[in-house]
């Protein structure tokens, strides 16, 4: 994406928030979250973010592009929110160093998803108000096969729902996005499951 596109996303997000809408953003490229989150952060200054993802997305740039899907969380981090990343299982040395030195980022790797105290770690890594960004590749490929950058060993369906339900129960979730679906001809599993996820997240967010 480029700055013009992100600005357009920001402007439209801000308009809906000014009209007190509960906003759900659905997209392809994860960089849309940069414009969306900027508008949310202006309305909710203490906003934190829960990131479900296979990748850390903390590169300063990727292939010369600082507005790449691999850099989305680095751009969001410039707004200084508390960030909790869940399901990470692919990152570069630059991102590992970034995480090690950041005081506002809690990273839960995929191999830690069954650890005792997981939910406490997630909840402690977030503030009272939460925005959720879901990269479809955060899920295991058996659940979401049609994604842009597939990685084995992701979050399973009911494990993810438990996380979302507990976060919505204990925090004020003000909005969310779901991104990085890459539809495949003749296969609708991912699209169907993501539609179910939208339905679930709206219910968890508004009915807790």
N, C-alpha and C. Protein backbone atom coordinates (compact mmCIF):
# COMPACT_ATOMS: atom_id res chain seq x y z
N UNK A 1 0.84 -1.20 0.00
CA UNK A 1 0.00 0.00 0.00
C UNK A 1 0.87 1.24 0.00
N UNK A 2 0.26 2.37 -0.30
CA UNK A 2 0.99 3.63 -0.23
C UNK A 2 0.29 4.56 0.77
N UNK A 3 0.92 5.69 1.03
CA UNK A 3 0.41 6.61 2.05
C UNK A 3 -0.98 7.14 1.69
N UNK A 4 -1.22 7.34 0.39
CA UNK A 4 -2.52 7.85 -0.05
C UNK A 4 -3.63 6.88 0.32
N UNK A 5 -3.39 5.59 0.11
CA UNK A 5 -4.40 4.58 0.44
C UNK A 5 -4.63 4.51 1.95
N UNK A 6 -3.55 4.56 2.71
CA UNK A 6 -3.68 4.52 4.17
C UNK A 6 -4.44 5.74 4.68
N UNK A 7 -4.19 6.89 4.07
CA UNK A 7 -4.91 8.11 4.45
C UNK A 7 -6.40 7.96 4.19
N UNK A 8 -6.76 7.35 3.07
CA UNK A 8 -8.17 7.13 2.74
C UNK A 8 -8.83 6.20 3.76
N UNK A 9 -8.11 5.16 4.15
CA UNK A 9 -8.62 4.24 5.17
C UNK A 9 -8.81 4.98 6.49
N UNK A 10 -7.82 5.78 6.87
CA UNK A 10 -7.90 6.58 8.09
C UNK A 10 -9.10 7.53 8.06
N UNK A 11 -9.28 8.25 6.97
CA UNK A 11 -10.37 9.23 6.87
C UNK A 11 -11.73 8.56 7.02
N UNK A 12 -11.91 7.43 6.38
CA UNK A 12 -13.20 6.74 6.45
C UNK A 12 -13.42 6.13 7.83
N UNK A 13 -12.36 5.60 8.42
CA UNK A 13 -12.48 5.06 9.77
C UNK A 13 -12.86 6.15 10.76
N UNK A 14 -12.20 7.28 10.66
CA UNK A 14 -12.47 8.40 11.56
C UNK A 14 -13.92 8.86 11.44
N UNK A 15 -14.43 8.90 10.22
CA UNK A 15 -15.81 9.33 9.98
C UNK A 15 -16.79 8.41 10.70
N UNK A 16 -16.58 7.11 10.59
CA UNK A 16 -17.48 6.16 11.25
C UNK A 16 -17.37 6.25 12.76
N UNK A 17 -16.16 6.43 13.28
CA UNK A 17 -15.98 6.54 14.73
C UNK A 17 -16.62 7.81 15.27
N UNK A 18 -16.57 8.88 14.50
CA UNK A 18 -17.21 10.12 14.92
C UNK A 18 -18.73 9.96 15.00
N UNK A 19 -19.25 9.00 14.24
CA UNK A 19 -20.69 8.70 14.28
C UNK A 19 -21.02 7.57 15.25
N UNK A 20 -20.04 7.28 16.13
CA UNK A 20 -20.22 6.30 17.21
C UNK A 20 -20.60 4.91 16.71
N UNK A 21 -19.98 4.49 15.62
CA UNK A 21 -20.20 3.15 15.09
C UNK A 21 -19.20 2.17 15.72
N UNK A 22 -19.65 0.92 15.89
CA UNK A 22 -18.72 -0.15 16.23
C UNK A 22 -18.19 -0.67 14.90
N UNK A 23 -16.93 -0.43 14.66
CA UNK A 23 -16.38 -0.64 13.32
C UNK A 23 -15.63 -1.97 13.20
N UNK A 24 -16.01 -2.73 12.18
CA UNK A 24 -15.31 -3.96 11.80
C UNK A 24 -14.72 -3.73 10.42
N UNK A 25 -13.41 -3.89 10.29
CA UNK A 25 -12.73 -3.66 9.01
C UNK A 25 -12.27 -4.99 8.43
N UNK A 26 -12.61 -5.23 7.17
CA UNK A 26 -12.22 -6.45 6.48
C UNK A 26 -11.35 -6.07 5.30
N UNK A 27 -10.21 -6.73 5.21
CA UNK A 27 -9.30 -6.32 4.15
C UNK A 27 -8.48 -7.46 3.60
N UNK A 28 -7.69 -7.12 2.61
CA UNK A 28 -6.72 -8.05 2.07
C UNK A 28 -5.39 -7.82 2.78
N UNK A 29 -4.65 -6.81 2.31
CA UNK A 29 -3.31 -6.52 2.82
C UNK A 29 -3.38 -5.96 4.24
N UNK A 30 -2.52 -6.49 5.12
CA UNK A 30 -2.57 -6.14 6.54
C UNK A 30 -2.28 -4.65 6.79
N UNK A 31 -1.67 -3.98 5.84
CA UNK A 31 -1.32 -2.57 6.06
C UNK A 31 -2.54 -1.68 6.23
N UNK A 32 -3.72 -2.14 5.86
CA UNK A 32 -4.91 -1.32 6.12
C UNK A 32 -5.04 -1.00 7.60
N UNK A 33 -4.51 -1.88 8.44
CA UNK A 33 -4.64 -1.69 9.89
C UNK A 33 -3.92 -0.43 10.37
N UNK A 34 -2.93 0.03 9.62
CA UNK A 34 -2.20 1.24 10.02
C UNK A 34 -3.15 2.43 10.05
N UNK A 35 -3.93 2.62 8.99
CA UNK A 35 -4.87 3.74 8.94
C UNK A 35 -6.01 3.57 9.92
N UNK A 36 -6.50 2.35 10.03
CA UNK A 36 -7.60 2.07 10.95
C UNK A 36 -7.18 2.34 12.39
N UNK A 37 -6.04 1.79 12.79
CA UNK A 37 -5.61 1.93 14.19
C UNK A 37 -5.32 3.39 14.54
N UNK A 38 -4.75 4.14 13.61
CA UNK A 38 -4.46 5.56 13.87
C UNK A 38 -5.74 6.30 14.28
N UNK A 39 -6.83 6.06 13.55
CA UNK A 39 -8.09 6.72 13.87
C UNK A 39 -8.64 6.26 15.21
N UNK A 40 -8.54 4.96 15.49
CA UNK A 40 -8.99 4.44 16.78
C UNK A 40 -8.18 5.02 17.93
N UNK A 41 -6.87 5.13 17.73
CA UNK A 41 -5.99 5.63 18.80
C UNK A 41 -6.29 7.09 19.12
N UNK A 42 -6.72 7.84 18.14
CA UNK A 42 -7.09 9.23 18.39
C UNK A 42 -8.35 9.32 19.25
N UNK A 43 -9.26 8.38 19.04
CA UNK A 43 -10.51 8.39 19.84
C UNK A 43 -10.28 7.79 21.21
N UNK A 44 -9.40 6.77 21.27
CA UNK A 44 -9.12 6.07 22.53
C UNK A 44 -7.62 6.17 22.82
N UNK A 45 -7.18 7.25 23.48
CA UNK A 45 -5.74 7.51 23.64
C UNK A 45 -4.96 6.40 24.33
N UNK A 46 -5.60 5.63 25.20
CA UNK A 46 -4.91 4.56 25.93
C UNK A 46 -5.11 3.19 25.29
N UNK A 47 -5.49 3.18 24.03
CA UNK A 47 -5.83 1.94 23.34
C UNK A 47 -4.63 1.02 23.20
N UNK A 48 -4.86 -0.27 23.45
CA UNK A 48 -3.86 -1.32 23.22
C UNK A 48 -4.32 -2.17 22.04
N UNK A 49 -3.46 -3.10 21.61
CA UNK A 49 -3.82 -3.90 20.44
C UNK A 49 -3.42 -5.36 20.63
N UNK A 50 -4.37 -6.24 20.33
CA UNK A 50 -4.12 -7.67 20.31
C UNK A 50 -3.93 -8.09 18.85
N UNK A 51 -2.77 -8.66 18.56
CA UNK A 51 -2.43 -9.08 17.20
C UNK A 51 -2.38 -10.60 17.13
N UNK A 52 -3.27 -11.18 16.33
CA UNK A 52 -3.22 -12.61 16.04
C UNK A 52 -2.52 -12.77 14.69
N UNK A 53 -1.39 -13.49 14.68
CA UNK A 53 -0.57 -13.46 13.47
C UNK A 53 0.47 -14.58 13.51
N UNK A 54 0.88 -15.04 12.34
CA UNK A 54 2.02 -15.97 12.26
C UNK A 54 3.33 -15.22 12.29
N UNK A 55 3.29 -13.93 11.90
CA UNK A 55 4.49 -13.13 11.72
C UNK A 55 4.48 -11.93 12.66
N UNK A 56 5.66 -11.51 13.08
CA UNK A 56 5.75 -10.37 14.00
C UNK A 56 5.40 -9.05 13.32
N UNK A 57 5.68 -8.94 12.01
CA UNK A 57 5.36 -7.72 11.24
C UNK A 57 6.01 -6.47 11.82
N UNK A 58 7.23 -6.62 12.34
CA UNK A 58 7.92 -5.51 12.99
C UNK A 58 9.15 -5.04 12.21
N UNK A 59 9.25 -5.41 10.96
CA UNK A 59 10.37 -4.92 10.16
C UNK A 59 10.20 -3.44 9.88
N UNK A 60 11.29 -2.70 9.90
CA UNK A 60 11.20 -1.28 9.58
C UNK A 60 10.75 -1.09 8.15
N UNK A 61 11.18 -1.98 7.26
CA UNK A 61 10.72 -1.98 5.88
C UNK A 61 10.95 -3.37 5.30
N UNK A 62 10.28 -3.66 4.21
CA UNK A 62 10.44 -4.94 3.54
C UNK A 62 10.52 -4.69 2.04
N UNK A 63 11.63 -5.11 1.44
CA UNK A 63 11.89 -4.86 0.02
C UNK A 63 11.76 -3.38 -0.31
N UNK A 64 12.28 -2.55 0.62
CA UNK A 64 12.30 -1.11 0.41
C UNK A 64 11.00 -0.39 0.70
N UNK A 65 10.01 -1.09 1.20
CA UNK A 65 8.70 -0.50 1.44
C UNK A 65 8.41 -0.49 2.94
N UNK A 66 8.30 0.70 3.52
CA UNK A 66 8.02 0.81 4.96
C UNK A 66 6.53 0.66 5.26
N UNK A 67 5.71 0.58 4.20
CA UNK A 67 4.27 0.37 4.37
C UNK A 67 3.88 -1.01 3.85
N UNK A 68 4.73 -1.97 4.15
CA UNK A 68 4.52 -3.36 3.75
C UNK A 68 3.74 -4.11 4.83
N UNK A 69 3.14 -5.22 4.44
CA UNK A 69 2.47 -6.08 5.41
C UNK A 69 3.45 -6.60 6.46
N UNK A 70 4.73 -6.64 6.12
CA UNK A 70 5.75 -7.09 7.07
C UNK A 70 6.17 -5.99 8.04
N UNK A 71 5.63 -4.79 7.86
CA UNK A 71 6.02 -3.64 8.68
C UNK A 71 4.84 -3.01 9.41
N UNK A 72 3.66 -3.62 9.29
CA UNK A 72 2.46 -2.99 9.82
C UNK A 72 2.55 -2.74 11.32
N UNK A 73 3.08 -3.67 12.09
CA UNK A 73 3.13 -3.47 13.54
C UNK A 73 4.23 -2.49 13.93
N UNK A 74 5.25 -2.37 13.11
CA UNK A 74 6.26 -1.33 13.35
C UNK A 74 5.64 0.05 13.19
N UNK A 75 4.77 0.21 12.21
CA UNK A 75 4.09 1.50 12.01
C UNK A 75 3.08 1.75 13.15
N UNK A 76 2.35 0.73 13.54
CA UNK A 76 1.40 0.88 14.64
C UNK A 76 2.15 1.17 15.94
N UNK A 77 3.30 0.57 16.11
CA UNK A 77 4.09 0.79 17.32
C UNK A 77 4.51 2.25 17.47
N UNK A 78 4.55 3.01 16.39
CA UNK A 78 4.92 4.42 16.47
C UNK A 78 3.90 5.23 17.27
N UNK A 79 2.71 4.67 17.48
CA UNK A 79 1.68 5.31 18.31
C UNK A 79 1.81 4.91 19.78
N UNK A 80 2.78 4.07 20.09
CA UNK A 80 3.14 3.67 21.46
C UNK A 80 2.02 2.96 22.23
N UNK A 81 1.29 2.04 21.59
CA UNK A 81 0.31 1.28 22.36
C UNK A 81 0.96 0.08 23.03
N UNK A 82 0.28 -0.50 24.00
CA UNK A 82 0.66 -1.83 24.47
C UNK A 82 0.26 -2.81 23.38
N UNK A 83 1.18 -3.68 22.99
CA UNK A 83 0.94 -4.64 21.93
C UNK A 83 1.09 -6.05 22.50
N UNK A 84 0.11 -6.89 22.26
CA UNK A 84 0.23 -8.31 22.60
C UNK A 84 0.09 -9.12 21.32
N UNK A 85 1.16 -9.81 20.94
CA UNK A 85 1.18 -10.62 19.74
C UNK A 85 0.98 -12.09 20.13
N UNK A 86 0.08 -12.78 19.44
CA UNK A 86 -0.21 -14.17 19.79
C UNK A 86 -0.13 -15.05 18.54
N UNK A 87 0.58 -16.16 18.67
CA UNK A 87 0.68 -17.12 17.58
C UNK A 87 1.89 -16.95 16.69
N UNK A 88 2.81 -16.09 17.07
CA UNK A 88 3.97 -15.78 16.23
C UNK A 88 4.85 -17.03 16.07
N UNK A 89 5.25 -17.30 14.84
CA UNK A 89 6.11 -18.44 14.56
C UNK A 89 7.04 -18.21 13.38
N UNK A 90 7.14 -16.96 12.94
CA UNK A 90 8.08 -16.61 11.87
C UNK A 90 8.50 -15.15 12.06
N UNK A 91 9.78 -14.94 12.25
CA UNK A 91 10.30 -13.58 12.38
C UNK A 91 11.78 -13.58 12.03
N UNK A 92 12.29 -12.39 11.71
CA UNK A 92 13.70 -12.25 11.35
C UNK A 92 14.49 -11.73 12.55
N UNK A 93 15.79 -11.67 12.39
CA UNK A 93 16.67 -11.23 13.47
C UNK A 93 16.33 -9.81 13.90
N UNK A 94 16.04 -8.94 12.96
CA UNK A 94 15.68 -7.55 13.26
C UNK A 94 14.46 -7.50 14.16
N UNK A 95 13.46 -8.33 13.86
CA UNK A 95 12.23 -8.33 14.65
C UNK A 95 12.47 -8.91 16.04
N UNK A 96 13.27 -9.96 16.12
CA UNK A 96 13.59 -10.55 17.42
C UNK A 96 14.27 -9.54 18.32
N UNK A 97 15.19 -8.77 17.76
CA UNK A 97 15.88 -7.73 18.53
C UNK A 97 14.91 -6.63 18.95
N UNK A 98 14.00 -6.26 18.05
CA UNK A 98 12.99 -5.25 18.34
C UNK A 98 12.15 -5.68 19.55
N UNK A 99 11.71 -6.93 19.54
CA UNK A 99 10.89 -7.45 20.63
C UNK A 99 11.67 -7.47 21.94
N UNK A 100 12.92 -7.89 21.87
CA UNK A 100 13.75 -7.97 23.08
C UNK A 100 13.94 -6.62 23.75
N UNK A 101 13.95 -5.57 22.93
CA UNK A 101 14.25 -4.23 23.46
C UNK A 101 13.01 -3.38 23.72
N UNK A 102 11.85 -3.87 23.31
CA UNK A 102 10.62 -3.10 23.49
C UNK A 102 9.97 -3.41 24.83
N UNK A 103 9.58 -2.38 25.54
CA UNK A 103 8.94 -2.58 26.84
C UNK A 103 7.42 -2.65 26.74
N UNK A 104 6.89 -2.31 25.57
CA UNK A 104 5.44 -2.28 25.39
C UNK A 104 4.91 -3.46 24.61
N UNK A 105 5.77 -4.42 24.24
CA UNK A 105 5.35 -5.55 23.40
C UNK A 105 5.47 -6.87 24.16
N UNK A 106 4.35 -7.59 24.21
CA UNK A 106 4.33 -8.95 24.74
C UNK A 106 4.14 -9.90 23.56
N UNK A 107 5.09 -10.81 23.35
CA UNK A 107 5.02 -11.73 22.23
C UNK A 107 4.85 -13.15 22.74
N UNK A 108 3.78 -13.79 22.30
CA UNK A 108 3.50 -15.17 22.66
C UNK A 108 3.67 -16.01 21.40
N UNK A 109 4.70 -16.82 21.40
CA UNK A 109 5.01 -17.62 20.23
C UNK A 109 4.07 -18.83 20.17
N UNK A 110 3.94 -19.39 18.96
CA UNK A 110 2.98 -20.47 18.75
C UNK A 110 3.25 -21.66 19.68
N UNK A 111 4.52 -21.95 19.95
CA UNK A 111 4.83 -23.10 20.81
C UNK A 111 4.46 -22.85 22.27
N UNK A 112 4.08 -21.62 22.61
CA UNK A 112 3.68 -21.28 23.98
C UNK A 112 2.17 -21.30 24.18
N UNK A 113 1.42 -21.61 23.13
CA UNK A 113 -0.04 -21.49 23.19
C UNK A 113 -0.68 -22.44 24.20
N UNK A 114 0.01 -23.51 24.55
CA UNK A 114 -0.52 -24.46 25.52
C UNK A 114 0.07 -24.27 26.91
N UNK A 115 0.87 -23.26 27.09
CA UNK A 115 1.51 -23.03 28.38
C UNK A 115 0.49 -22.63 29.45
N UNK A 116 0.74 -23.05 30.65
CA UNK A 116 -0.08 -22.62 31.78
C UNK A 116 0.08 -21.12 31.98
N UNK A 117 -1.01 -20.45 32.26
CA UNK A 117 -0.95 -19.01 32.47
C UNK A 117 -1.02 -18.21 31.19
N UNK A 118 -1.39 -18.86 30.07
CA UNK A 118 -1.45 -18.16 28.78
C UNK A 118 -2.38 -16.95 28.83
N UNK A 119 -3.60 -17.15 29.34
CA UNK A 119 -4.56 -16.05 29.33
C UNK A 119 -4.12 -14.91 30.23
N UNK A 120 -3.51 -15.22 31.35
CA UNK A 120 -3.00 -14.15 32.22
C UNK A 120 -1.95 -13.33 31.49
N UNK A 121 -1.09 -14.00 30.75
CA UNK A 121 -0.04 -13.30 30.01
C UNK A 121 -0.64 -12.40 28.94
N UNK A 122 -1.66 -12.89 28.25
CA UNK A 122 -2.32 -12.08 27.22
C UNK A 122 -3.00 -10.87 27.85
N UNK A 123 -3.77 -11.10 28.89
CA UNK A 123 -4.50 -10.00 29.53
C UNK A 123 -3.55 -8.97 30.13
N UNK A 124 -2.47 -9.42 30.71
CA UNK A 124 -1.48 -8.50 31.28
C UNK A 124 -0.73 -7.71 30.21
N UNK A 125 -0.72 -8.25 29.00
CA UNK A 125 -0.04 -7.56 27.90
C UNK A 125 -0.90 -6.52 27.21
N UNK A 126 -2.13 -6.35 27.69
CA UNK A 126 -3.07 -5.40 27.10
C UNK A 126 -3.52 -4.38 28.12
N UNK A 127 -4.00 -3.24 27.63
CA UNK A 127 -4.59 -2.23 28.49
C UNK A 127 -6.08 -2.51 28.67
N UNK A 128 -6.79 -1.57 29.27
CA UNK A 128 -8.22 -1.76 29.53
C UNK A 128 -9.04 -1.73 28.25
N UNK A 129 -8.61 -0.92 27.28
CA UNK A 129 -9.29 -0.85 25.98
C UNK A 129 -8.43 -1.53 24.93
N UNK A 130 -9.09 -2.32 24.08
CA UNK A 130 -8.36 -3.18 23.15
C UNK A 130 -8.93 -3.09 21.74
N UNK A 131 -8.04 -2.99 20.78
CA UNK A 131 -8.38 -3.18 19.37
C UNK A 131 -7.75 -4.50 18.95
N UNK A 132 -8.47 -5.30 18.18
CA UNK A 132 -7.98 -6.61 17.75
C UNK A 132 -7.69 -6.58 16.25
N UNK A 133 -6.51 -7.04 15.88
CA UNK A 133 -6.20 -7.23 14.46
C UNK A 133 -5.88 -8.69 14.23
N UNK A 134 -6.58 -9.31 13.30
CA UNK A 134 -6.43 -10.73 13.02
C UNK A 134 -5.90 -10.92 11.61
N UNK A 135 -4.67 -11.42 11.52
CA UNK A 135 -4.14 -11.88 10.24
C UNK A 135 -4.56 -13.34 10.12
N UNK A 136 -5.23 -13.69 9.03
CA UNK A 136 -5.76 -15.05 8.89
C UNK A 136 -4.67 -16.11 9.01
N UNK A 137 -3.42 -15.75 8.68
CA UNK A 137 -2.36 -16.76 8.78
C UNK A 137 -1.95 -17.05 10.22
N UNK A 138 -2.50 -16.31 11.18
CA UNK A 138 -2.26 -16.63 12.58
C UNK A 138 -2.87 -17.98 12.95
N UNK A 139 -3.94 -18.34 12.23
CA UNK A 139 -4.56 -19.64 12.45
C UNK A 139 -3.74 -20.74 11.78
N UNK A 140 -3.93 -21.95 12.26
CA UNK A 140 -3.30 -23.10 11.62
C UNK A 140 -3.83 -23.24 10.20
N UNK A 141 -3.00 -23.66 9.24
CA UNK A 141 -3.46 -23.83 7.86
C UNK A 141 -4.61 -24.82 7.71
N UNK A 142 -4.78 -25.73 8.67
CA UNK A 142 -5.92 -26.64 8.61
C UNK A 142 -7.24 -25.90 8.80
N UNK A 143 -7.18 -24.71 9.42
CA UNK A 143 -8.36 -23.89 9.66
C UNK A 143 -8.50 -22.82 8.58
N UNK A 144 -7.40 -22.16 8.25
CA UNK A 144 -7.38 -21.07 7.27
C UNK A 144 -6.29 -21.34 6.22
N UNK A 145 -6.57 -22.18 5.22
CA UNK A 145 -5.53 -22.51 4.23
C UNK A 145 -5.26 -21.42 3.21
N UNK A 146 -6.25 -20.59 2.91
CA UNK A 146 -6.10 -19.60 1.83
C UNK A 146 -5.64 -18.26 2.40
N UNK A 147 -4.34 -18.15 2.64
CA UNK A 147 -3.75 -16.93 3.18
C UNK A 147 -2.56 -16.53 2.33
N UNK A 148 -2.09 -15.30 2.54
CA UNK A 148 -1.00 -14.80 1.72
C UNK A 148 0.34 -15.45 2.00
N UNK A 149 0.65 -15.69 3.29
CA UNK A 149 1.95 -16.23 3.68
C UNK A 149 1.73 -17.33 4.71
N UNK A 150 1.59 -18.55 4.23
CA UNK A 150 1.18 -19.65 5.08
C UNK A 150 2.33 -20.12 5.97
N UNK A 151 2.00 -20.48 7.22
CA UNK A 151 2.99 -21.00 8.17
C UNK A 151 2.34 -22.14 8.97
N UNK A 152 2.98 -23.29 9.07
CA UNK A 152 2.41 -24.39 9.85
C UNK A 152 2.45 -24.10 11.35
N UNK A 153 1.61 -24.82 12.08
CA UNK A 153 1.68 -24.74 13.54
C UNK A 153 0.95 -23.59 14.18
N UNK A 154 -0.14 -23.13 13.56
CA UNK A 154 -0.84 -21.96 14.08
C UNK A 154 -1.92 -22.28 15.10
N UNK A 155 -2.71 -21.27 15.43
CA UNK A 155 -3.76 -21.37 16.43
C UNK A 155 -4.93 -22.17 15.87
N UNK A 156 -5.45 -23.09 16.66
CA UNK A 156 -6.63 -23.85 16.25
C UNK A 156 -7.91 -23.07 16.57
N UNK A 157 -9.00 -23.49 15.97
CA UNK A 157 -10.25 -22.74 16.01
C UNK A 157 -10.74 -22.49 17.44
N UNK A 158 -10.94 -23.53 18.20
CA UNK A 158 -11.53 -23.35 19.54
C UNK A 158 -10.55 -22.69 20.51
N UNK A 159 -9.26 -22.87 20.29
CA UNK A 159 -8.27 -22.16 21.12
C UNK A 159 -8.36 -20.66 20.86
N UNK A 160 -8.54 -20.29 19.59
CA UNK A 160 -8.67 -18.87 19.26
C UNK A 160 -9.95 -18.28 19.85
N UNK A 161 -11.05 -19.01 19.74
CA UNK A 161 -12.30 -18.50 20.29
C UNK A 161 -12.21 -18.30 21.80
N UNK A 162 -11.51 -19.19 22.48
CA UNK A 162 -11.33 -19.04 23.92
C UNK A 162 -10.57 -17.76 24.24
N UNK A 163 -9.52 -17.49 23.47
CA UNK A 163 -8.74 -16.26 23.67
C UNK A 163 -9.63 -15.03 23.46
N UNK A 164 -10.35 -15.01 22.33
CA UNK A 164 -11.19 -13.85 22.03
C UNK A 164 -12.28 -13.66 23.09
N UNK A 165 -12.89 -14.75 23.52
CA UNK A 165 -13.97 -14.65 24.51
C UNK A 165 -13.44 -14.09 25.83
N UNK A 166 -12.28 -14.55 26.26
CA UNK A 166 -11.72 -14.08 27.53
C UNK A 166 -11.28 -12.62 27.44
N UNK A 167 -10.69 -12.25 26.31
CA UNK A 167 -10.28 -10.85 26.14
C UNK A 167 -11.51 -9.94 26.15
N UNK A 168 -12.56 -10.33 25.43
CA UNK A 168 -13.77 -9.51 25.39
C UNK A 168 -14.47 -9.47 26.74
N UNK A 169 -14.35 -10.53 27.51
CA UNK A 169 -14.96 -10.58 28.84
C UNK A 169 -14.25 -9.67 29.82
N UNK A 170 -12.93 -9.58 29.69
CA UNK A 170 -12.12 -8.86 30.68
C UNK A 170 -11.68 -7.47 30.24
N UNK A 171 -11.84 -7.16 28.97
CA UNK A 171 -11.40 -5.87 28.44
C UNK A 171 -12.54 -5.22 27.65
N UNK A 172 -12.37 -3.95 27.35
CA UNK A 172 -13.31 -3.22 26.51
C UNK A 172 -12.79 -3.26 25.08
N UNK A 173 -13.31 -4.19 24.28
CA UNK A 173 -12.88 -4.31 22.89
C UNK A 173 -13.70 -3.33 22.05
N UNK A 174 -13.02 -2.36 21.44
CA UNK A 174 -13.71 -1.25 20.77
C UNK A 174 -13.82 -1.43 19.26
N UNK A 175 -13.15 -2.43 18.71
CA UNK A 175 -13.22 -2.66 17.27
C UNK A 175 -12.22 -3.73 16.86
N UNK A 176 -12.32 -4.19 15.62
CA UNK A 176 -11.37 -5.19 15.15
C UNK A 176 -11.30 -5.21 13.63
N UNK A 177 -10.23 -5.80 13.14
CA UNK A 177 -10.12 -6.05 11.70
C UNK A 177 -9.69 -7.49 11.46
N UNK A 178 -10.00 -7.99 10.28
CA UNK A 178 -9.58 -9.31 9.83
C UNK A 178 -9.02 -9.16 8.42
N UNK A 179 -7.78 -9.63 8.24
CA UNK A 179 -7.07 -9.35 6.98
C UNK A 179 -6.33 -10.59 6.47
N UNK A 180 -5.77 -10.43 5.27
CA UNK A 180 -4.85 -11.39 4.64
C UNK A 180 -5.48 -12.70 4.19
N UNK A 181 -6.78 -12.68 3.89
CA UNK A 181 -7.37 -13.81 3.19
C UNK A 181 -6.98 -13.71 1.72
N UNK A 182 -6.53 -14.82 1.16
CA UNK A 182 -6.14 -14.87 -0.26
C UNK A 182 -6.94 -15.99 -0.93
N UNK A 183 -8.16 -15.70 -1.39
CA UNK A 183 -9.06 -16.74 -1.89
C UNK A 183 -8.44 -17.59 -3.00
N UNK A 184 -8.78 -18.88 -2.98
CA UNK A 184 -8.32 -19.81 -3.99
C UNK A 184 -9.51 -20.33 -4.77
N UNK A 185 -9.32 -20.47 -6.06
CA UNK A 185 -10.40 -20.96 -6.92
C UNK A 185 -10.86 -22.36 -6.46
N UNK A 186 -12.16 -22.51 -6.29
CA UNK A 186 -12.71 -23.81 -5.94
C UNK A 186 -12.65 -24.15 -4.46
N UNK A 187 -12.19 -23.21 -3.61
CA UNK A 187 -12.07 -23.48 -2.17
C UNK A 187 -12.62 -22.30 -1.39
N UNK A 188 -13.59 -22.55 -0.51
CA UNK A 188 -14.22 -21.46 0.24
C UNK A 188 -14.10 -21.64 1.74
N UNK A 189 -13.30 -22.61 2.17
CA UNK A 189 -13.18 -22.89 3.61
C UNK A 189 -12.73 -21.67 4.38
N UNK A 190 -11.70 -21.00 3.89
CA UNK A 190 -11.15 -19.85 4.62
C UNK A 190 -12.16 -18.72 4.69
N UNK A 191 -12.79 -18.40 3.57
CA UNK A 191 -13.77 -17.32 3.57
C UNK A 191 -14.93 -17.63 4.52
N UNK A 192 -15.39 -18.86 4.49
CA UNK A 192 -16.50 -19.25 5.38
C UNK A 192 -16.09 -19.15 6.84
N UNK A 193 -14.91 -19.67 7.17
CA UNK A 193 -14.46 -19.63 8.56
C UNK A 193 -14.23 -18.21 9.04
N UNK A 194 -13.72 -17.35 8.18
CA UNK A 194 -13.51 -15.95 8.57
C UNK A 194 -14.84 -15.24 8.76
N UNK A 195 -15.83 -15.56 7.95
CA UNK A 195 -17.17 -14.99 8.14
C UNK A 195 -17.73 -15.42 9.49
N UNK A 196 -17.52 -16.69 9.85
CA UNK A 196 -17.93 -17.16 11.16
C UNK A 196 -17.19 -16.42 12.27
N UNK A 197 -15.92 -16.14 12.04
CA UNK A 197 -15.12 -15.42 13.04
C UNK A 197 -15.64 -14.00 13.24
N UNK A 198 -16.00 -13.32 12.16
CA UNK A 198 -16.58 -11.99 12.28
C UNK A 198 -17.83 -12.04 13.16
N UNK A 199 -18.68 -13.00 12.87
CA UNK A 199 -19.92 -13.18 13.64
C UNK A 199 -19.61 -13.41 15.12
N UNK A 200 -18.66 -14.29 15.40
CA UNK A 200 -18.29 -14.58 16.78
C UNK A 200 -17.72 -13.35 17.49
N UNK A 201 -16.81 -12.65 16.82
CA UNK A 201 -16.16 -11.51 17.46
C UNK A 201 -17.13 -10.36 17.73
N UNK A 202 -18.06 -10.14 16.83
CA UNK A 202 -19.07 -9.11 17.08
C UNK A 202 -19.86 -9.48 18.33
N UNK A 203 -20.27 -10.74 18.42
CA UNK A 203 -21.02 -11.18 19.58
C UNK A 203 -20.22 -11.06 20.87
N UNK A 204 -18.97 -11.52 20.84
CA UNK A 204 -18.13 -11.43 22.04
C UNK A 204 -17.91 -9.98 22.46
N UNK A 205 -17.69 -9.11 21.49
CA UNK A 205 -17.36 -7.71 21.77
C UNK A 205 -18.53 -6.94 22.35
N UNK A 206 -19.71 -7.21 21.84
CA UNK A 206 -20.86 -6.38 22.20
C UNK A 206 -21.76 -7.00 23.27
N UNK A 207 -21.58 -8.28 23.55
CA UNK A 207 -22.52 -8.95 24.45
C UNK A 207 -21.91 -9.41 25.76
N UNK A 208 -20.64 -9.10 26.02
CA UNK A 208 -20.03 -9.54 27.29
C UNK A 208 -20.48 -8.62 28.43
